[in-house]
Amino acid sequence: MPPNHVVDADAAPIVPPPANALASGSEVRVDTWLWAVRQTKSRSAATAAARAGHVKINGTTAKASQKVRLGDEVRLRVEGFDRVLIVTGLLVKRVGAPQARACYEDRSPLRPRMAGAVPIRERGSGRPSKKERRELDRLRGRDSHEHY
C-alpha cells in the first residue's frame, strides 16, 4: 500500500471470516493474529517485529507468544508509523483481506503527507559549506546545533 494511500472504509465490503479460521478459545498468539489479519507478510515477520519491540498490546511491549483477546489494542510499528488496531475477532488461519478487516478496527492516525522532492547536490561540488549545511539542516527540519 502506498504511504499516503487512504482507504475508504465504505469501498470494500467487510465479509465475516470462515468458521474454520476462527480461534476456538478466547485468546490467540499476537504473531499468529497479526499474520492472519494480513498486517505482516509472514508469521516469521510478525515474530521478528515482536522481538524487535515493534508490537505493543494495550501499551506494553509484547513478546511474539503473548496472547491477544477481544477488545485489546495492538500497536504495530510499520515503516516508521504506528498501526493502531482494536481486536474484534480472533483468527488462527490467514484469510482474505475483506474477511480479515472484520477482525480488527483500524484506529491508526493518518500518515503525514510527504514533503516534496529533496534537493540533490551536483556531483563533484564537494562538501557543503557551513552555511549550506545549516540550510540543509533547516530544510530537513533538524537543529543544526545537535550533536550526534
N, C-alpha and C. Protein backbone atom coordinates (compact mmCIF):
# COMPACT_ATOMS: atom_id res chain seq x y z
N MET A 1 0.85 -1.16 0.00
CA MET A 1 0.00 0.00 0.00
C MET A 1 0.90 1.23 0.00
N PRO A 2 0.67 2.21 -0.90
CA PRO A 2 1.48 3.42 -0.91
C PRO A 2 1.36 4.16 0.41
N PRO A 3 2.41 4.90 0.82
CA PRO A 3 2.42 5.52 2.14
C PRO A 3 1.28 6.51 2.38
N ASN A 4 0.84 7.24 1.36
CA ASN A 4 -0.19 8.25 1.56
C ASN A 4 -1.55 7.78 1.07
N HIS A 5 -1.69 6.50 0.84
CA HIS A 5 -2.94 5.94 0.33
C HIS A 5 -3.97 5.93 1.45
N VAL A 6 -5.15 6.48 1.17
CA VAL A 6 -6.23 6.49 2.15
C VAL A 6 -7.26 5.48 1.70
N VAL A 7 -7.58 4.55 2.57
CA VAL A 7 -8.55 3.52 2.24
C VAL A 7 -9.93 4.00 2.65
N ASP A 8 -10.87 3.97 1.72
CA ASP A 8 -12.24 4.33 2.00
C ASP A 8 -12.91 3.16 2.69
N ALA A 9 -13.40 3.37 3.89
CA ALA A 9 -13.98 2.28 4.67
C ALA A 9 -15.22 1.69 3.99
N ASP A 10 -15.92 2.49 3.19
CA ASP A 10 -17.12 2.00 2.52
C ASP A 10 -16.81 1.30 1.21
N ALA A 11 -15.57 1.40 0.72
CA ALA A 11 -15.22 0.86 -0.59
C ALA A 11 -15.24 -0.66 -0.60
N ALA A 12 -14.65 -1.29 0.38
CA ALA A 12 -14.57 -2.76 0.40
C ALA A 12 -15.56 -3.30 1.42
N PRO A 13 -16.44 -4.18 1.00
CA PRO A 13 -17.38 -4.75 1.97
C PRO A 13 -16.65 -5.65 2.96
N ILE A 14 -17.09 -5.62 4.19
CA ILE A 14 -16.50 -6.46 5.23
C ILE A 14 -17.27 -7.78 5.26
N VAL A 15 -16.55 -8.86 5.06
CA VAL A 15 -17.14 -10.20 4.98
C VAL A 15 -16.71 -10.98 6.21
N PRO A 16 -17.62 -11.68 6.87
CA PRO A 16 -17.20 -12.47 8.04
C PRO A 16 -16.27 -13.61 7.62
N PRO A 17 -15.26 -13.90 8.43
CA PRO A 17 -14.32 -14.98 8.10
C PRO A 17 -14.97 -16.35 8.23
N PRO A 18 -14.41 -17.35 7.53
CA PRO A 18 -14.96 -18.70 7.65
C PRO A 18 -14.77 -19.26 9.06
N ALA A 19 -15.64 -20.16 9.44
CA ALA A 19 -15.62 -20.71 10.80
C ALA A 19 -14.33 -21.46 11.11
N ASN A 20 -13.72 -22.13 10.11
CA ASN A 20 -12.50 -22.90 10.40
C ASN A 20 -11.29 -22.01 10.63
N ALA A 21 -11.37 -20.71 10.31
CA ALA A 21 -10.26 -19.79 10.54
C ALA A 21 -10.34 -19.14 11.92
N LEU A 22 -11.50 -19.19 12.54
CA LEU A 22 -11.68 -18.56 13.84
C LEU A 22 -11.02 -19.39 14.94
N ALA A 23 -10.53 -18.68 15.95
CA ALA A 23 -9.90 -19.37 17.09
C ALA A 23 -10.97 -20.05 17.92
N SER A 24 -10.64 -21.22 18.44
CA SER A 24 -11.60 -21.97 19.26
C SER A 24 -11.68 -21.41 20.68
N GLY A 25 -10.59 -20.80 21.16
CA GLY A 25 -10.57 -20.26 22.51
C GLY A 25 -10.83 -18.77 22.53
N SER A 26 -10.51 -18.14 23.65
CA SER A 26 -10.75 -16.71 23.80
C SER A 26 -9.48 -15.89 23.62
N GLU A 27 -8.38 -16.53 23.22
CA GLU A 27 -7.13 -15.80 23.01
C GLU A 27 -6.28 -16.49 21.95
N VAL A 28 -5.42 -15.68 21.29
CA VAL A 28 -4.56 -16.15 20.20
C VAL A 28 -3.21 -15.46 20.35
N ARG A 29 -2.14 -16.14 19.93
CA ARG A 29 -0.80 -15.52 19.94
C ARG A 29 -0.82 -14.28 19.05
N VAL A 30 -0.13 -13.23 19.49
CA VAL A 30 -0.15 -11.97 18.74
C VAL A 30 0.52 -12.12 17.38
N ASP A 31 1.59 -12.90 17.26
CA ASP A 31 2.24 -13.05 15.96
C ASP A 31 1.33 -13.78 14.97
N THR A 32 0.61 -14.79 15.45
CA THR A 32 -0.33 -15.51 14.60
C THR A 32 -1.47 -14.59 14.16
N TRP A 33 -1.97 -13.79 15.09
CA TRP A 33 -3.09 -12.90 14.77
C TRP A 33 -2.68 -11.83 13.76
N LEU A 34 -1.49 -11.22 13.95
CA LEU A 34 -1.03 -10.20 13.00
C LEU A 34 -0.87 -10.77 11.60
N TRP A 35 -0.38 -11.99 11.51
CA TRP A 35 -0.24 -12.64 10.20
C TRP A 35 -1.61 -12.98 9.62
N ALA A 36 -2.51 -13.50 10.45
CA ALA A 36 -3.83 -13.93 9.97
C ALA A 36 -4.68 -12.76 9.48
N VAL A 37 -4.53 -11.58 10.10
CA VAL A 37 -5.30 -10.41 9.65
C VAL A 37 -4.53 -9.57 8.64
N ARG A 38 -3.47 -10.15 8.08
CA ARG A 38 -2.74 -9.60 6.94
C ARG A 38 -2.01 -8.29 7.25
N GLN A 39 -1.50 -8.15 8.47
CA GLN A 39 -0.71 -6.97 8.82
C GLN A 39 0.77 -7.20 8.54
N THR A 40 1.20 -8.45 8.49
CA THR A 40 2.57 -8.81 8.10
C THR A 40 2.49 -9.86 7.00
N LYS A 41 3.54 -9.93 6.19
CA LYS A 41 3.54 -10.86 5.07
C LYS A 41 3.72 -12.31 5.50
N SER A 42 4.38 -12.52 6.63
CA SER A 42 4.59 -13.88 7.10
C SER A 42 4.54 -13.89 8.63
N ARG A 43 4.33 -15.07 9.17
CA ARG A 43 4.30 -15.17 10.63
C ARG A 43 5.69 -14.90 11.20
N SER A 44 6.72 -15.32 10.47
CA SER A 44 8.08 -15.05 10.96
C SER A 44 8.36 -13.55 10.97
N ALA A 45 7.79 -12.80 10.04
CA ALA A 45 7.95 -11.34 10.05
C ALA A 45 7.24 -10.74 11.26
N ALA A 46 6.09 -11.29 11.63
CA ALA A 46 5.37 -10.83 12.82
C ALA A 46 6.17 -11.15 14.08
N THR A 47 6.79 -12.33 14.11
CA THR A 47 7.62 -12.72 15.25
C THR A 47 8.83 -11.80 15.36
N ALA A 48 9.45 -11.49 14.22
CA ALA A 48 10.62 -10.60 14.21
C ALA A 48 10.23 -9.20 14.68
N ALA A 49 9.06 -8.72 14.27
CA ALA A 49 8.60 -7.40 14.71
C ALA A 49 8.39 -7.38 16.22
N ALA A 50 7.85 -8.45 16.76
CA ALA A 50 7.65 -8.52 18.21
C ALA A 50 8.98 -8.57 18.94
N ARG A 51 9.93 -9.35 18.42
CA ARG A 51 11.27 -9.43 19.05
C ARG A 51 11.97 -8.09 19.03
N ALA A 52 11.74 -7.31 17.97
CA ALA A 52 12.39 -6.00 17.84
C ALA A 52 11.69 -4.93 18.67
N GLY A 53 10.58 -5.28 19.31
CA GLY A 53 9.87 -4.32 20.15
C GLY A 53 8.90 -3.45 19.39
N HIS A 54 8.51 -3.85 18.17
CA HIS A 54 7.60 -3.06 17.35
C HIS A 54 6.14 -3.40 17.56
N VAL A 55 5.84 -4.31 18.47
CA VAL A 55 4.46 -4.71 18.74
C VAL A 55 4.15 -4.41 20.21
N LYS A 56 3.03 -3.72 20.43
CA LYS A 56 2.58 -3.43 21.80
C LYS A 56 1.13 -3.86 21.93
N ILE A 57 0.82 -4.43 23.07
CA ILE A 57 -0.56 -4.80 23.38
C ILE A 57 -0.98 -4.00 24.59
N ASN A 58 -2.01 -3.19 24.42
CA ASN A 58 -2.53 -2.32 25.49
C ASN A 58 -1.42 -1.48 26.11
N GLY A 59 -0.50 -1.00 25.28
CA GLY A 59 0.54 -0.08 25.73
C GLY A 59 1.82 -0.72 26.24
N THR A 60 1.87 -2.04 26.38
CA THR A 60 3.09 -2.69 26.85
C THR A 60 3.71 -3.50 25.73
N THR A 61 5.03 -3.48 25.65
CA THR A 61 5.75 -4.22 24.62
C THR A 61 5.43 -5.70 24.76
N ALA A 62 5.14 -6.33 23.61
CA ALA A 62 4.69 -7.72 23.63
C ALA A 62 5.72 -8.66 23.04
N LYS A 63 5.78 -9.86 23.61
CA LYS A 63 6.56 -10.94 23.00
C LYS A 63 5.68 -11.59 21.95
N ALA A 64 6.29 -12.34 21.04
CA ALA A 64 5.54 -12.98 19.96
C ALA A 64 4.51 -13.96 20.49
N SER A 65 4.80 -14.58 21.62
CA SER A 65 3.90 -15.60 22.16
C SER A 65 2.80 -15.03 23.04
N GLN A 66 2.82 -13.72 23.27
CA GLN A 66 1.80 -13.12 24.13
C GLN A 66 0.43 -13.24 23.47
N LYS A 67 -0.59 -13.45 24.27
CA LYS A 67 -1.94 -13.68 23.76
C LYS A 67 -2.70 -12.37 23.62
N VAL A 68 -3.54 -12.28 22.57
CA VAL A 68 -4.46 -11.15 22.41
C VAL A 68 -5.87 -11.67 22.63
N ARG A 69 -6.71 -10.78 23.16
CA ARG A 69 -8.11 -11.11 23.43
C ARG A 69 -8.98 -10.07 22.72
N LEU A 70 -10.26 -10.35 22.64
CA LEU A 70 -11.19 -9.39 22.04
C LEU A 70 -11.13 -8.08 22.82
N GLY A 71 -11.08 -6.96 22.10
CA GLY A 71 -11.04 -5.65 22.73
C GLY A 71 -9.65 -5.11 23.00
N ASP A 72 -8.61 -5.93 22.84
CA ASP A 72 -7.24 -5.46 23.06
C ASP A 72 -6.83 -4.47 21.98
N GLU A 73 -5.96 -3.53 22.37
CA GLU A 73 -5.39 -2.58 21.40
C GLU A 73 -4.00 -3.08 21.04
N VAL A 74 -3.77 -3.33 19.76
CA VAL A 74 -2.48 -3.80 19.27
C VAL A 74 -1.87 -2.69 18.43
N ARG A 75 -0.64 -2.30 18.79
CA ARG A 75 0.10 -1.29 18.02
C ARG A 75 1.25 -1.99 17.32
N LEU A 76 1.33 -1.78 16.01
CA LEU A 76 2.39 -2.38 15.20
C LEU A 76 3.11 -1.25 14.48
N ARG A 77 4.42 -1.18 14.67
CA ARG A 77 5.23 -0.14 14.02
C ARG A 77 5.61 -0.65 12.64
N VAL A 78 5.15 0.04 11.59
CA VAL A 78 5.42 -0.34 10.20
C VAL A 78 5.93 0.89 9.46
N GLU A 79 7.11 0.76 8.86
CA GLU A 79 7.71 1.83 8.06
C GLU A 79 7.77 3.15 8.83
N GLY A 80 8.05 3.08 10.12
CA GLY A 80 8.20 4.28 10.92
C GLY A 80 6.90 4.87 11.45
N PHE A 81 5.77 4.24 11.16
CA PHE A 81 4.48 4.73 11.62
C PHE A 81 3.77 3.63 12.39
N ASP A 82 2.95 4.03 13.37
CA ASP A 82 2.21 3.06 14.18
C ASP A 82 0.88 2.72 13.52
N ARG A 83 0.56 1.44 13.48
CA ARG A 83 -0.78 0.97 13.11
C ARG A 83 -1.46 0.65 14.43
N VAL A 84 -2.61 1.24 14.69
CA VAL A 84 -3.35 1.01 15.93
C VAL A 84 -4.59 0.19 15.56
N LEU A 85 -4.65 -1.03 16.09
CA LEU A 85 -5.73 -1.96 15.75
C LEU A 85 -6.44 -2.42 17.02
N ILE A 86 -7.76 -2.42 16.99
CA ILE A 86 -8.55 -2.96 18.09
C ILE A 86 -9.03 -4.33 17.65
N VAL A 87 -8.77 -5.35 18.45
CA VAL A 87 -9.12 -6.73 18.11
C VAL A 87 -10.63 -6.92 18.25
N THR A 88 -11.28 -7.27 17.12
CA THR A 88 -12.73 -7.55 17.16
C THR A 88 -13.04 -9.00 16.79
N GLY A 89 -12.01 -9.74 16.35
CA GLY A 89 -12.19 -11.14 16.03
C GLY A 89 -10.85 -11.85 16.14
N LEU A 90 -10.87 -13.11 16.53
CA LEU A 90 -9.64 -13.87 16.71
C LEU A 90 -9.50 -14.90 15.59
N LEU A 91 -8.40 -14.82 14.86
CA LEU A 91 -8.13 -15.74 13.76
C LEU A 91 -6.85 -16.52 14.03
N VAL A 92 -6.82 -17.76 13.56
CA VAL A 92 -5.59 -18.55 13.62
C VAL A 92 -5.12 -18.93 12.22
N LYS A 93 -5.98 -18.77 11.22
CA LYS A 93 -5.61 -19.04 9.83
C LYS A 93 -5.73 -17.76 9.03
N ARG A 94 -4.86 -17.62 8.05
CA ARG A 94 -4.88 -16.43 7.19
C ARG A 94 -6.10 -16.48 6.28
N VAL A 95 -6.77 -15.34 6.16
CA VAL A 95 -7.98 -15.25 5.33
C VAL A 95 -7.81 -14.09 4.35
N GLY A 96 -8.77 -13.93 3.47
CA GLY A 96 -8.74 -12.84 2.50
C GLY A 96 -8.85 -11.49 3.18
N ALA A 97 -8.46 -10.43 2.47
CA ALA A 97 -8.44 -9.09 3.05
C ALA A 97 -9.82 -8.63 3.54
N PRO A 98 -10.90 -8.80 2.76
CA PRO A 98 -12.21 -8.36 3.27
C PRO A 98 -12.62 -9.11 4.54
N GLN A 99 -12.27 -10.38 4.62
CA GLN A 99 -12.60 -11.17 5.82
C GLN A 99 -11.71 -10.77 6.99
N ALA A 100 -10.46 -10.44 6.72
CA ALA A 100 -9.54 -10.04 7.79
C ALA A 100 -9.98 -8.71 8.40
N ARG A 101 -10.51 -7.80 7.57
CA ARG A 101 -10.94 -6.49 8.08
C ARG A 101 -12.07 -6.62 9.10
N ALA A 102 -12.80 -7.71 9.06
CA ALA A 102 -13.88 -7.92 10.03
C ALA A 102 -13.34 -8.25 11.41
N CYS A 103 -12.04 -8.54 11.51
CA CYS A 103 -11.46 -8.98 12.79
C CYS A 103 -10.66 -7.90 13.50
N TYR A 104 -10.64 -6.69 12.94
CA TYR A 104 -9.99 -5.58 13.64
C TYR A 104 -10.64 -4.27 13.24
N GLU A 105 -10.48 -3.30 14.13
CA GLU A 105 -10.93 -1.94 13.86
C GLU A 105 -9.67 -1.09 13.79
N ASP A 106 -9.45 -0.44 12.66
CA ASP A 106 -8.23 0.34 12.45
C ASP A 106 -8.42 1.75 12.99
N ARG A 107 -7.66 2.10 14.01
CA ARG A 107 -7.70 3.44 14.60
C ARG A 107 -6.37 4.16 14.41
N SER A 108 -5.66 3.81 13.35
CA SER A 108 -4.35 4.40 13.08
C SER A 108 -4.51 5.87 12.73
N PRO A 109 -3.62 6.72 13.25
CA PRO A 109 -3.65 8.13 12.83
C PRO A 109 -3.23 8.23 11.37
N LEU A 110 -3.74 9.24 10.69
CA LEU A 110 -3.37 9.43 9.29
C LEU A 110 -1.88 9.75 9.20
N ARG A 111 -1.27 9.20 8.17
CA ARG A 111 0.15 9.48 7.96
C ARG A 111 0.30 10.88 7.39
N PRO A 112 1.32 11.62 7.83
CA PRO A 112 1.51 12.97 7.28
C PRO A 112 1.90 12.90 5.82
N ARG A 113 1.50 13.89 5.08
CA ARG A 113 1.87 13.96 3.67
C ARG A 113 3.38 14.12 3.57
N MET A 114 3.94 13.45 2.59
CA MET A 114 5.38 13.55 2.38
C MET A 114 5.70 14.89 1.72
N ALA A 115 6.80 15.49 2.13
CA ALA A 115 7.24 16.75 1.55
C ALA A 115 7.68 16.51 0.11
N GLY A 116 7.90 17.60 -0.61
CA GLY A 116 8.34 17.49 -2.00
C GLY A 116 9.71 16.84 -2.10
N ALA A 117 10.21 16.78 -3.29
CA ALA A 117 11.50 16.14 -3.54
C ALA A 117 12.62 16.88 -2.81
N VAL A 118 13.55 16.13 -2.28
CA VAL A 118 14.69 16.70 -1.59
C VAL A 118 15.69 17.18 -2.63
N PRO A 119 16.18 18.41 -2.50
CA PRO A 119 17.14 18.89 -3.49
C PRO A 119 18.42 18.04 -3.48
N ILE A 120 18.97 17.83 -4.64
CA ILE A 120 20.15 16.99 -4.80
C ILE A 120 21.33 17.88 -5.20
N ARG A 121 22.45 17.68 -4.51
CA ARG A 121 23.65 18.44 -4.85
C ARG A 121 24.26 17.89 -6.12
N GLU A 122 24.89 18.77 -6.86
CA GLU A 122 25.58 18.33 -8.07
C GLU A 122 26.77 17.47 -7.67
N ARG A 123 26.99 16.43 -8.45
CA ARG A 123 28.14 15.57 -8.18
C ARG A 123 29.41 16.37 -8.42
N GLY A 124 30.38 16.15 -7.55
CA GLY A 124 31.66 16.82 -7.71
C GLY A 124 31.70 18.22 -7.15
N SER A 125 30.63 18.67 -6.50
CA SER A 125 30.63 20.03 -5.97
C SER A 125 31.27 20.10 -4.59
N GLY A 126 31.75 18.97 -4.09
CA GLY A 126 32.46 18.95 -2.82
C GLY A 126 31.54 18.95 -1.62
N ARG A 127 32.16 19.10 -0.46
CA ARG A 127 31.40 19.13 0.78
C ARG A 127 30.60 20.42 0.86
N PRO A 128 29.45 20.37 1.55
CA PRO A 128 28.71 21.62 1.74
C PRO A 128 29.46 22.53 2.72
N SER A 129 29.38 23.83 2.46
CA SER A 129 29.98 24.78 3.38
C SER A 129 29.14 24.81 4.66
N LYS A 130 29.63 25.51 5.66
CA LYS A 130 28.90 25.58 6.92
C LYS A 130 27.52 26.21 6.70
N LYS A 131 27.47 27.24 5.88
CA LYS A 131 26.21 27.91 5.58
C LYS A 131 25.26 26.95 4.84
N GLU A 132 25.78 26.22 3.85
CA GLU A 132 24.96 25.27 3.10
C GLU A 132 24.47 24.14 4.00
N ARG A 133 25.34 23.68 4.91
CA ARG A 133 24.95 22.61 5.82
C ARG A 133 23.81 23.07 6.73
N ARG A 134 23.89 24.31 7.22
CA ARG A 134 22.82 24.83 8.07
C ARG A 134 21.51 24.96 7.29
N GLU A 135 21.60 25.36 6.02
CA GLU A 135 20.40 25.45 5.18
C GLU A 135 19.79 24.06 4.96
N LEU A 136 20.65 23.06 4.73
CA LEU A 136 20.17 21.69 4.57
C LEU A 136 19.50 21.19 5.84
N ASP A 137 20.12 21.47 7.00
CA ASP A 137 19.53 21.06 8.27
C ASP A 137 18.17 21.71 8.47
N ARG A 138 18.07 23.01 8.16
CA ARG A 138 16.80 23.71 8.30
C ARG A 138 15.74 23.10 7.38
N LEU A 139 16.14 22.77 6.16
CA LEU A 139 15.23 22.18 5.19
C LEU A 139 14.74 20.81 5.65
N ARG A 140 15.61 20.04 6.27
CA ARG A 140 15.25 18.70 6.75
C ARG A 140 14.57 18.72 8.11
N GLY A 141 14.42 19.91 8.70
CA GLY A 141 13.74 20.02 9.99
C GLY A 141 14.60 19.63 11.16
N ARG A 142 15.90 19.72 11.01
CA ARG A 142 16.82 19.37 12.10
C ARG A 142 17.38 20.64 12.72
N ASP A 143 17.86 20.50 13.93
CA ASP A 143 18.55 21.59 14.59
C ASP A 143 20.03 21.48 14.23
N SER A 144 20.61 22.53 13.68
CA SER A 144 22.00 22.46 13.24
C SER A 144 22.98 22.40 14.41
N HIS A 145 22.48 22.57 15.63
CA HIS A 145 23.37 22.52 16.80
C HIS A 145 23.37 21.16 17.46
N GLU A 146 22.58 20.21 16.92
CA GLU A 146 22.55 18.88 17.52
C GLU A 146 23.88 18.18 17.34
N HIS A 147 24.28 17.45 18.34
CA HIS A 147 25.50 16.65 18.24
C HIS A 147 25.09 15.20 18.14
N TYR A 148 25.72 14.47 17.27
CA TYR A 148 25.32 13.08 17.05
C TYR A 148 26.17 12.18 17.83
